Amino acid sequence: MPKPSLRRAQQCFKSLLALSIALFGLLAASGNMLDYDSNWQFVRHVLAMDSMEPWFGGQALKSRAITDPGWQQAAYLAIIAGELLFGLLCAWGGGQMLRGALCGREDAYLRGKTWFTLGCIPALLVWYTGFAVIGGEYFAMWANQWNGQMKAYAFIGFILLSLVHLSQPEAAAD
């Protein structure tokens, strides 16, 4: 194992951050698989637009509702698949980063950063594109009693902030 240095410490920190983010994705996916019905109700009601706040008229927007259970299930399964892919890719990347940091293998560390970055793509698609953009705006989740926009923004905000941090170069070798 290489001697301790600021560069190695930064690499270890970033590796553990990547693994922590991966754990979030894996727990989100496994939670949805193990307790399928809990978040299924959320997805079903947002897509069906059947639980809008009493003050919301929006008949033109309500025409966008998806009430077919098959399409609703497909959307929920896509969310779970995205969470799982996010968690697995980030875990692989974080593991590669940690191995590279601990063994002084810069190539493995950088390869891990690449996998982590690729893993953040499904997270962006699930929580920003899926929840904030499509759920929030297309299905007017902001006016739904099942509003998960703030959670989605919190999730993707932390993931993107971490991605920016991990993308920064480490201290020069000392």
N, C-alpha and C. Protein backbone atom coordinates (compact mmCIF):
# COMPACT_ATOMS: atom_id res chain seq x y z
N MET A 1 0.85 -1.18 0.00
CA MET A 1 0.00 0.00 0.00
C MET A 1 0.89 1.24 0.00
N PRO A 2 0.56 2.22 -0.87
CA PRO A 2 1.38 3.43 -0.93
C PRO A 2 1.29 4.23 0.37
N LYS A 3 2.30 5.06 0.59
CA LYS A 3 2.30 5.89 1.80
C LYS A 3 1.15 6.89 1.75
N PRO A 4 0.65 7.31 2.91
CA PRO A 4 -0.44 8.29 2.94
C PRO A 4 -0.02 9.61 2.31
N SER A 5 -0.92 10.20 1.56
CA SER A 5 -0.69 11.51 0.95
C SER A 5 -2.04 12.19 0.78
N LEU A 6 -2.00 13.48 0.54
CA LEU A 6 -3.25 14.21 0.30
C LEU A 6 -3.97 13.63 -0.92
N ARG A 7 -3.23 13.33 -1.96
CA ARG A 7 -3.82 12.76 -3.17
C ARG A 7 -4.54 11.44 -2.87
N ARG A 8 -3.89 10.55 -2.14
CA ARG A 8 -4.49 9.25 -1.79
C ARG A 8 -5.70 9.44 -0.88
N ALA A 9 -5.60 10.38 0.05
CA ALA A 9 -6.72 10.65 0.95
C ALA A 9 -7.93 11.15 0.15
N GLN A 10 -7.68 12.03 -0.81
CA GLN A 10 -8.77 12.53 -1.65
C GLN A 10 -9.37 11.40 -2.49
N GLN A 11 -8.51 10.54 -3.01
CA GLN A 11 -9.00 9.42 -3.80
C GLN A 11 -9.84 8.46 -2.95
N CYS A 12 -9.39 8.20 -1.74
CA CYS A 12 -10.17 7.32 -0.85
C CYS A 12 -11.51 7.95 -0.50
N PHE A 13 -11.51 9.25 -0.21
CA PHE A 13 -12.76 9.94 0.11
C PHE A 13 -13.73 9.86 -1.07
N LYS A 14 -13.24 10.16 -2.27
CA LYS A 14 -14.11 10.13 -3.45
C LYS A 14 -14.61 8.72 -3.72
N SER A 15 -13.78 7.73 -3.48
CA SER A 15 -14.19 6.34 -3.66
C SER A 15 -15.33 5.98 -2.72
N LEU A 16 -15.19 6.36 -1.47
CA LEU A 16 -16.23 6.06 -0.48
C LEU A 16 -17.50 6.85 -0.75
N LEU A 17 -17.36 8.07 -1.26
CA LEU A 17 -18.53 8.85 -1.66
C LEU A 17 -19.26 8.14 -2.81
N ALA A 18 -18.50 7.66 -3.78
CA ALA A 18 -19.09 6.93 -4.91
C ALA A 18 -19.81 5.68 -4.42
N LEU A 19 -19.20 4.96 -3.50
CA LEU A 19 -19.83 3.74 -2.96
C LEU A 19 -21.07 4.08 -2.13
N SER A 20 -21.05 5.18 -1.43
CA SER A 20 -22.23 5.61 -0.66
C SER A 20 -23.39 5.95 -1.59
N ILE A 21 -23.09 6.62 -2.68
CA ILE A 21 -24.12 6.97 -3.65
C ILE A 21 -24.66 5.69 -4.30
N ALA A 22 -23.77 4.75 -4.58
CA ALA A 22 -24.20 3.47 -5.14
C ALA A 22 -25.14 2.76 -4.18
N LEU A 23 -24.82 2.80 -2.90
CA LEU A 23 -25.67 2.16 -1.89
C LEU A 23 -27.06 2.78 -1.90
N PHE A 24 -27.14 4.08 -2.07
CA PHE A 24 -28.44 4.74 -2.16
C PHE A 24 -29.25 4.16 -3.33
N GLY A 25 -28.63 4.06 -4.50
CA GLY A 25 -29.33 3.51 -5.65
C GLY A 25 -29.78 2.08 -5.44
N LEU A 26 -28.90 1.27 -4.85
CA LEU A 26 -29.24 -0.13 -4.61
C LEU A 26 -30.34 -0.27 -3.57
N LEU A 27 -30.31 0.57 -2.54
CA LEU A 27 -31.37 0.52 -1.53
C LEU A 27 -32.70 1.02 -2.09
N ALA A 28 -32.66 2.05 -2.94
CA ALA A 28 -33.90 2.53 -3.57
C ALA A 28 -34.52 1.44 -4.43
N ALA A 29 -33.69 0.79 -5.24
CA ALA A 29 -34.19 -0.27 -6.11
C ALA A 29 -34.69 -1.46 -5.30
N SER A 30 -33.90 -1.89 -4.31
CA SER A 30 -34.32 -3.05 -3.53
C SER A 30 -35.56 -2.75 -2.70
N GLY A 31 -35.68 -1.53 -2.20
CA GLY A 31 -36.88 -1.14 -1.46
C GLY A 31 -38.12 -1.23 -2.34
N ASN A 32 -37.98 -0.79 -3.59
CA ASN A 32 -39.11 -0.86 -4.52
C ASN A 32 -39.44 -2.30 -4.91
N MET A 33 -38.43 -3.16 -4.90
CA MET A 33 -38.70 -4.57 -5.24
C MET A 33 -39.26 -5.33 -4.04
N LEU A 34 -38.72 -5.08 -2.85
CA LEU A 34 -39.16 -5.80 -1.65
C LEU A 34 -40.52 -5.32 -1.14
N ASP A 35 -40.76 -4.03 -1.26
CA ASP A 35 -42.04 -3.46 -0.84
C ASP A 35 -42.67 -2.79 -2.06
N TYR A 36 -42.93 -3.60 -3.05
CA TYR A 36 -43.37 -3.12 -4.37
C TYR A 36 -44.57 -2.19 -4.28
N ASP A 37 -45.52 -2.52 -3.43
CA ASP A 37 -46.79 -1.79 -3.42
C ASP A 37 -46.65 -0.35 -2.90
N SER A 38 -45.75 -0.09 -1.99
CA SER A 38 -45.66 1.25 -1.41
C SER A 38 -45.43 2.32 -2.48
N ASN A 39 -44.35 2.20 -3.23
CA ASN A 39 -44.09 3.21 -4.25
C ASN A 39 -44.89 2.99 -5.52
N TRP A 40 -45.42 1.78 -5.70
CA TRP A 40 -46.32 1.53 -6.82
C TRP A 40 -47.53 2.46 -6.73
N GLN A 41 -48.05 2.62 -5.51
CA GLN A 41 -49.20 3.50 -5.33
C GLN A 41 -48.86 4.94 -5.75
N PHE A 42 -47.67 5.38 -5.39
CA PHE A 42 -47.21 6.72 -5.77
C PHE A 42 -47.19 6.86 -7.30
N VAL A 43 -46.52 5.93 -7.97
CA VAL A 43 -46.39 6.00 -9.42
C VAL A 43 -47.77 5.92 -10.09
N ARG A 44 -48.59 5.00 -9.63
CA ARG A 44 -49.92 4.81 -10.21
C ARG A 44 -50.76 6.08 -10.11
N HIS A 45 -50.76 6.71 -8.93
CA HIS A 45 -51.58 7.91 -8.74
C HIS A 45 -51.05 9.11 -9.52
N VAL A 46 -49.74 9.24 -9.60
CA VAL A 46 -49.18 10.35 -10.38
C VAL A 46 -49.53 10.19 -11.85
N LEU A 47 -49.35 8.99 -12.39
CA LEU A 47 -49.64 8.76 -13.80
C LEU A 47 -51.14 8.86 -14.11
N ALA A 48 -51.97 8.36 -13.21
CA ALA A 48 -53.42 8.41 -13.43
C ALA A 48 -53.99 9.81 -13.19
N MET A 49 -53.25 10.64 -12.48
CA MET A 49 -53.70 12.00 -12.15
C MET A 49 -55.07 11.96 -11.46
N ASP A 50 -55.27 10.95 -10.63
CA ASP A 50 -56.56 10.76 -9.97
C ASP A 50 -56.57 11.27 -8.53
N SER A 51 -55.50 11.89 -8.11
CA SER A 51 -55.44 12.40 -6.74
C SER A 51 -54.92 13.84 -6.73
N MET A 52 -55.43 14.61 -7.67
CA MET A 52 -55.02 16.01 -7.77
C MET A 52 -55.63 16.80 -6.61
N GLU A 53 -54.94 17.85 -6.23
CA GLU A 53 -55.43 18.74 -5.16
C GLU A 53 -56.78 19.32 -5.58
N PRO A 54 -57.65 19.54 -4.60
CA PRO A 54 -59.00 20.04 -4.93
C PRO A 54 -58.99 21.37 -5.69
N TRP A 55 -58.00 22.21 -5.48
CA TRP A 55 -57.95 23.51 -6.14
C TRP A 55 -57.51 23.42 -7.60
N PHE A 56 -57.01 22.25 -8.03
CA PHE A 56 -56.48 22.11 -9.39
C PHE A 56 -57.60 21.78 -10.35
N GLY A 57 -57.85 22.66 -11.33
CA GLY A 57 -58.85 22.40 -12.36
C GLY A 57 -58.22 21.64 -13.50
N GLY A 58 -57.32 22.25 -14.19
CA GLY A 58 -56.46 21.70 -15.23
C GLY A 58 -56.98 20.56 -16.07
N GLN A 59 -58.19 20.70 -16.63
CA GLN A 59 -58.76 19.60 -17.42
C GLN A 59 -57.90 19.28 -18.65
N ALA A 60 -57.28 20.30 -19.25
CA ALA A 60 -56.43 20.06 -20.42
C ALA A 60 -55.24 19.19 -20.03
N LEU A 61 -54.66 19.46 -18.85
CA LEU A 61 -53.52 18.67 -18.40
C LEU A 61 -53.96 17.27 -17.97
N LYS A 62 -55.13 17.16 -17.38
CA LYS A 62 -55.62 15.85 -16.94
C LYS A 62 -55.84 14.89 -18.11
N SER A 63 -55.97 15.43 -19.30
CA SER A 63 -56.14 14.56 -20.47
C SER A 63 -54.86 13.76 -20.76
N ARG A 64 -53.75 14.11 -20.13
CA ARG A 64 -52.49 13.39 -20.29
C ARG A 64 -52.41 12.12 -19.44
N ALA A 65 -53.36 11.94 -18.56
CA ALA A 65 -53.32 10.83 -17.60
C ALA A 65 -53.15 9.48 -18.29
N ILE A 66 -52.36 8.63 -17.64
CA ILE A 66 -52.21 7.24 -18.09
C ILE A 66 -52.90 6.37 -17.06
N THR A 67 -54.01 5.78 -17.47
CA THR A 67 -54.80 4.97 -16.53
C THR A 67 -54.66 3.48 -16.79
N ASP A 68 -54.04 3.12 -17.89
CA ASP A 68 -53.86 1.70 -18.21
C ASP A 68 -52.84 1.08 -17.25
N PRO A 69 -53.25 0.07 -16.47
CA PRO A 69 -52.33 -0.53 -15.49
C PRO A 69 -51.07 -1.12 -16.13
N GLY A 70 -51.15 -1.59 -17.34
CA GLY A 70 -49.98 -2.14 -18.02
C GLY A 70 -48.92 -1.08 -18.26
N TRP A 71 -49.34 0.09 -18.73
CA TRP A 71 -48.39 1.19 -18.95
C TRP A 71 -47.87 1.73 -17.63
N GLN A 72 -48.72 1.76 -16.63
CA GLN A 72 -48.27 2.21 -15.31
C GLN A 72 -47.21 1.26 -14.75
N GLN A 73 -47.46 -0.05 -14.88
CA GLN A 73 -46.48 -1.05 -14.42
C GLN A 73 -45.18 -0.92 -15.18
N ALA A 74 -45.27 -0.69 -16.49
CA ALA A 74 -44.06 -0.54 -17.31
C ALA A 74 -43.24 0.67 -16.84
N ALA A 75 -43.93 1.75 -16.52
CA ALA A 75 -43.22 2.94 -16.03
C ALA A 75 -42.54 2.65 -14.70
N TYR A 76 -43.23 1.96 -13.81
CA TYR A 76 -42.66 1.64 -12.50
C TYR A 76 -41.46 0.70 -12.64
N LEU A 77 -41.59 -0.28 -13.51
CA LEU A 77 -40.47 -1.20 -13.74
C LEU A 77 -39.27 -0.48 -14.35
N ALA A 78 -39.53 0.50 -15.21
CA ALA A 78 -38.44 1.30 -15.78
C ALA A 78 -37.73 2.11 -14.69
N ILE A 79 -38.50 2.63 -13.74
CA ILE A 79 -37.90 3.37 -12.62
C ILE A 79 -37.01 2.44 -11.81
N ILE A 80 -37.52 1.27 -11.47
CA ILE A 80 -36.74 0.31 -10.68
C ILE A 80 -35.48 -0.12 -11.44
N ALA A 81 -35.62 -0.38 -12.73
CA ALA A 81 -34.47 -0.78 -13.54
C ALA A 81 -33.42 0.34 -13.57
N GLY A 82 -33.87 1.58 -13.70
CA GLY A 82 -32.95 2.72 -13.69
C GLY A 82 -32.23 2.85 -12.37
N GLU A 83 -32.96 2.69 -11.27
CA GLU A 83 -32.33 2.76 -9.95
C GLU A 83 -31.30 1.65 -9.77
N LEU A 84 -31.66 0.46 -10.20
CA LEU A 84 -30.76 -0.68 -10.07
C LEU A 84 -29.51 -0.50 -10.93
N LEU A 85 -29.68 -0.07 -12.16
CA LEU A 85 -28.54 0.18 -13.04
C LEU A 85 -27.64 1.26 -12.47
N PHE A 86 -28.24 2.33 -11.98
CA PHE A 86 -27.50 3.41 -11.33
C PHE A 86 -26.67 2.86 -10.17
N GLY A 87 -27.30 2.09 -9.30
CA GLY A 87 -26.60 1.56 -8.14
C GLY A 87 -25.48 0.61 -8.52
N LEU A 88 -25.73 -0.26 -9.49
CA LEU A 88 -24.71 -1.25 -9.89
C LEU A 88 -23.52 -0.59 -10.57
N LEU A 89 -23.77 0.33 -11.50
CA LEU A 89 -22.67 1.00 -12.19
C LEU A 89 -21.84 1.85 -11.22
N CYS A 90 -22.52 2.56 -10.32
CA CYS A 90 -21.78 3.38 -9.36
C CYS A 90 -21.01 2.51 -8.37
N ALA A 91 -21.57 1.36 -8.00
CA ALA A 91 -20.86 0.44 -7.11
C ALA A 91 -19.60 -0.10 -7.79
N TRP A 92 -19.75 -0.49 -9.04
CA TRP A 92 -18.59 -0.98 -9.79
C TRP A 92 -17.53 0.11 -9.89
N GLY A 93 -17.97 1.32 -10.24
CA GLY A 93 -17.04 2.44 -10.34
C GLY A 93 -16.39 2.76 -9.01
N GLY A 94 -17.17 2.82 -7.95
CA GLY A 94 -16.62 3.12 -6.63
C GLY A 94 -15.64 2.06 -6.17
N GLY A 95 -15.95 0.79 -6.47
CA GLY A 95 -15.04 -0.29 -6.11
C GLY A 95 -13.72 -0.19 -6.86
N GLN A 96 -13.80 0.11 -8.16
CA GLN A 96 -12.59 0.30 -8.96
C GLN A 96 -11.77 1.49 -8.44
N MET A 97 -12.47 2.55 -8.10
CA MET A 97 -11.78 3.73 -7.56
C MET A 97 -11.05 3.39 -6.27
N LEU A 98 -11.74 2.69 -5.37
CA LEU A 98 -11.13 2.36 -4.09
C LEU A 98 -9.94 1.43 -4.27
N ARG A 99 -10.10 0.45 -5.13
CA ARG A 99 -8.97 -0.46 -5.40
C ARG A 99 -7.78 0.32 -5.95
N GLY A 100 -8.05 1.22 -6.89
CA GLY A 100 -6.99 2.03 -7.46
C GLY A 100 -6.32 2.93 -6.43
N ALA A 101 -7.14 3.52 -5.55
CA ALA A 101 -6.60 4.42 -4.52
C ALA A 101 -5.75 3.64 -3.52
N LEU A 102 -6.22 2.49 -3.09
CA LEU A 102 -5.49 1.72 -2.08
C LEU A 102 -4.24 1.05 -2.62
N CYS A 103 -4.26 0.68 -3.89
CA CYS A 103 -3.12 -0.03 -4.49
C CYS A 103 -2.20 0.89 -5.28
N GLY A 104 -2.54 2.17 -5.33
CA GLY A 104 -1.71 3.10 -6.09
C GLY A 104 -1.81 2.89 -7.60
N ARG A 105 -2.94 2.38 -8.05
CA ARG A 105 -3.17 2.12 -9.47
C ARG A 105 -4.02 3.24 -10.07
N GLU A 106 -3.36 4.21 -10.62
CA GLU A 106 -4.05 5.37 -11.19
C GLU A 106 -5.00 4.97 -12.32
N ASP A 107 -4.61 3.99 -13.13
CA ASP A 107 -5.46 3.55 -14.23
C ASP A 107 -6.78 2.96 -13.72
N ALA A 108 -6.72 2.16 -12.67
CA ALA A 108 -7.94 1.57 -12.09
C ALA A 108 -8.81 2.67 -11.47
N TYR A 109 -8.17 3.61 -10.79
CA TYR A 109 -8.91 4.71 -10.16
C TYR A 109 -9.66 5.51 -11.23
N LEU A 110 -8.98 5.87 -12.31
CA LEU A 110 -9.61 6.66 -13.37
C LEU A 110 -10.70 5.87 -14.10
N ARG A 111 -10.48 4.58 -14.28
CA ARG A 111 -11.50 3.72 -14.89
C ARG A 111 -12.76 3.70 -14.00
N GLY A 112 -12.53 3.65 -12.70
CA GLY A 112 -13.65 3.69 -11.77
C GLY A 112 -14.43 4.99 -11.85
N LYS A 113 -13.71 6.10 -12.01
CA LYS A 113 -14.39 7.39 -12.17
C LYS A 113 -15.28 7.38 -13.41
N THR A 114 -14.80 6.74 -14.46
CA THR A 114 -15.59 6.65 -15.69
C THR A 114 -16.87 5.86 -15.45
N TRP A 115 -16.76 4.71 -14.78
CA TRP A 115 -17.94 3.89 -14.48
C TRP A 115 -18.90 4.63 -13.57
N PHE A 116 -18.37 5.35 -12.59
CA PHE A 116 -19.24 6.12 -11.71
C PHE A 116 -20.01 7.17 -12.52
N THR A 117 -19.31 7.87 -13.39
CA THR A 117 -19.95 8.89 -14.22
C THR A 117 -21.04 8.28 -15.08
N LEU A 118 -20.75 7.13 -15.69
CA LEU A 118 -21.77 6.44 -16.48
C LEU A 118 -22.96 6.02 -15.61
N GLY A 119 -22.68 5.66 -14.37
CA GLY A 119 -23.75 5.27 -13.45
C GLY A 119 -24.67 6.41 -13.09
N CYS A 120 -24.17 7.62 -13.16
CA CYS A 120 -25.01 8.78 -12.83
C CYS A 120 -26.01 9.10 -13.93
N ILE A 121 -25.80 8.56 -15.12
CA ILE A 121 -26.75 8.80 -16.22
C ILE A 121 -28.14 8.25 -15.91
N PRO A 122 -28.27 6.97 -15.50
CA PRO A 122 -29.63 6.51 -15.17
C PRO A 122 -30.23 7.26 -13.98
N ALA A 123 -29.41 7.73 -13.05
CA ALA A 123 -29.94 8.53 -11.93
C ALA A 123 -30.55 9.82 -12.46
N LEU A 124 -29.86 10.46 -13.38
CA LEU A 124 -30.38 11.68 -14.00
C LEU A 124 -31.70 11.39 -14.72
N LEU A 125 -31.73 10.28 -15.43
CA LEU A 125 -32.94 9.94 -16.17
C LEU A 125 -34.11 9.60 -15.26
N VAL A 126 -33.85 8.93 -14.14
CA VAL A 126 -34.93 8.57 -13.21
C VAL A 126 -35.42 9.79 -12.45
N TRP A 127 -34.53 10.46 -11.72
CA TRP A 127 -34.99 11.48 -10.77
C TRP A 127 -35.17 12.86 -11.38
N TYR A 128 -34.37 13.21 -12.38
CA TYR A 128 -34.61 14.52 -12.98
C TYR A 128 -35.59 14.41 -14.15
N THR A 129 -35.22 13.62 -15.16
CA THR A 129 -36.10 13.53 -16.33
C THR A 129 -37.43 12.87 -15.96
N GLY A 130 -37.37 11.76 -15.21
CA GLY A 130 -38.59 11.03 -14.89
C GLY A 130 -39.48 11.73 -13.89
N PHE A 131 -38.90 12.07 -12.74
CA PHE A 131 -39.72 12.63 -11.67
C PHE A 131 -39.93 14.14 -11.82
N ALA A 132 -38.85 14.90 -11.97
CA ALA A 132 -39.00 16.36 -11.99
C ALA A 132 -39.62 16.86 -13.29
N VAL A 133 -39.13 16.36 -14.43
CA VAL A 133 -39.62 16.87 -15.71
C VAL A 133 -40.93 16.20 -16.12
N ILE A 134 -40.91 14.88 -16.30
CA ILE A 134 -42.11 14.20 -16.79
C ILE A 134 -43.19 14.15 -15.71
N GLY A 135 -42.84 13.65 -14.51
CA GLY A 135 -43.83 13.60 -13.44
C GLY A 135 -44.27 14.99 -13.01
N GLY A 136 -43.29 15.85 -12.77
CA GLY A 136 -43.59 17.18 -12.24
C GLY A 136 -44.34 18.07 -13.20
N GLU A 137 -43.91 18.08 -14.45
CA GLU A 137 -44.51 19.02 -15.40
C GLU A 137 -45.55 18.37 -16.32
N TYR A 138 -45.20 17.24 -16.91
CA TYR A 138 -46.15 16.63 -17.85
C TYR A 138 -47.38 16.11 -17.11
N PHE A 139 -47.17 15.45 -15.97
CA PHE A 139 -48.29 14.92 -15.20
C PHE A 139 -48.69 15.82 -14.03
N ALA A 140 -48.17 17.04 -14.01
CA ALA A 140 -48.53 18.06 -13.01
C ALA A 140 -48.44 17.52 -11.58
N MET A 141 -47.36 16.81 -11.29
CA MET A 141 -47.19 16.27 -9.95
C MET A 141 -47.18 17.38 -8.89
N TRP A 142 -46.82 18.58 -9.28
CA TRP A 142 -46.82 19.70 -8.36
C TRP A 142 -48.21 19.97 -7.80
N ALA A 143 -49.25 19.52 -8.50
CA ALA A 143 -50.62 19.71 -8.04
C ALA A 143 -51.25 18.40 -7.57
N ASN A 144 -50.43 17.38 -7.38
CA ASN A 144 -50.93 16.07 -6.97
C ASN A 144 -50.69 15.89 -5.48
N GLN A 145 -51.58 15.18 -4.83
CA GLN A 145 -51.39 14.88 -3.41
C GLN A 145 -50.18 13.96 -3.22
N TRP A 146 -49.77 13.25 -4.27
CA TRP A 146 -48.59 12.39 -4.26
C TRP A 146 -47.46 13.15 -4.96
N ASN A 147 -46.93 14.17 -4.33
CA ASN A 147 -45.92 15.02 -4.94
C ASN A 147 -44.53 14.65 -4.43
N GLY A 148 -43.70 14.11 -5.30
CA GLY A 148 -42.35 13.71 -4.91
C GLY A 148 -41.28 14.58 -5.53
N GLN A 149 -41.65 15.76 -6.02
CA GLN A 149 -40.67 16.60 -6.70
C GLN A 149 -39.50 17.01 -5.80
N MET A 150 -39.78 17.42 -4.59
CA MET A 150 -38.69 17.91 -3.73
C MET A 150 -37.71 16.79 -3.40
N LYS A 151 -38.21 15.59 -3.19
CA LYS A 151 -37.32 14.44 -2.94
C LYS A 151 -36.46 14.18 -4.18
N ALA A 152 -37.09 14.22 -5.36
CA ALA A 152 -36.35 13.99 -6.59
C ALA A 152 -35.26 15.03 -6.77
N TYR A 153 -35.59 16.29 -6.50
CA TYR A 153 -34.58 17.35 -6.61
C TYR A 153 -33.46 17.15 -5.59
N ALA A 154 -33.81 16.73 -4.39
CA ALA A 154 -32.78 16.48 -3.38
C ALA A 154 -31.87 15.34 -3.81
N PHE A 155 -32.45 14.25 -4.32
CA PHE A 155 -31.66 13.10 -4.75
C PHE A 155 -30.71 13.49 -5.87
N ILE A 156 -31.27 14.08 -6.94
CA ILE A 156 -30.43 14.38 -8.10
C ILE A 156 -29.46 15.51 -7.79
N GLY A 157 -29.86 16.42 -6.93
CA GLY A 157 -28.95 17.50 -6.54
C GLY A 157 -27.70 16.96 -5.85
N PHE A 158 -27.89 16.05 -4.91
CA PHE A 158 -26.73 15.49 -4.21
C PHE A 158 -25.89 14.64 -5.15
N ILE A 159 -26.54 13.88 -6.01
CA ILE A 159 -25.80 13.03 -6.96
C ILE A 159 -24.97 13.91 -7.91
N LEU A 160 -25.57 14.96 -8.44
CA LEU A 160 -24.84 15.83 -9.36
C LEU A 160 -23.72 16.60 -8.66
N LEU A 161 -23.98 17.05 -7.44
CA LEU A 161 -22.93 17.73 -6.68
C LEU A 161 -21.76 16.77 -6.43
N SER A 162 -22.06 15.54 -6.11
CA SER A 162 -21.01 14.53 -5.90
C SER A 162 -20.26 14.25 -7.19
N LEU A 163 -21.00 14.18 -8.30
CA LEU A 163 -20.36 13.95 -9.59
C LEU A 163 -19.40 15.09 -9.94
N VAL A 164 -19.81 16.31 -9.68
CA VAL A 164 -18.92 17.46 -9.92
C VAL A 164 -17.67 17.33 -9.06
N HIS A 165 -17.86 17.00 -7.78
CA HIS A 165 -16.71 16.85 -6.88
C HIS A 165 -15.78 15.73 -7.35
N LEU A 166 -16.35 14.60 -7.70
CA LEU A 166 -15.53 13.47 -8.15
C LEU A 166 -14.81 13.76 -9.46
N SER A 167 -15.36 14.65 -10.27
CA SER A 167 -14.75 14.98 -11.56
C SER A 167 -13.54 15.92 -11.42
N GLN A 168 -13.44 16.55 -10.27
CA GLN A 168 -12.31 17.47 -10.06
C GLN A 168 -11.02 16.68 -9.90
N PRO A 169 -9.91 17.22 -10.39
CA PRO A 169 -8.65 16.52 -10.22
C PRO A 169 -8.21 16.52 -8.74
N GLU A 170 -7.50 15.49 -8.38
CA GLU A 170 -6.97 15.39 -7.01
C GLU A 170 -5.69 16.23 -6.94
N ALA A 171 -5.20 16.40 -5.72
CA ALA A 171 -3.95 17.13 -5.51
C ALA A 171 -2.84 16.45 -6.31
N ALA A 172 -1.86 17.24 -6.70
CA ALA A 172 -0.72 16.68 -7.42
C ALA A 172 -0.02 15.63 -6.53
N ALA A 173 0.58 14.66 -7.17
CA ALA A 173 1.29 13.62 -6.41
C ALA A 173 2.37 14.27 -5.56
N ASP A 174 2.50 13.81 -4.32
CA ASP A 174 3.53 14.38 -3.45
C ASP A 174 4.52 13.34 -3.00
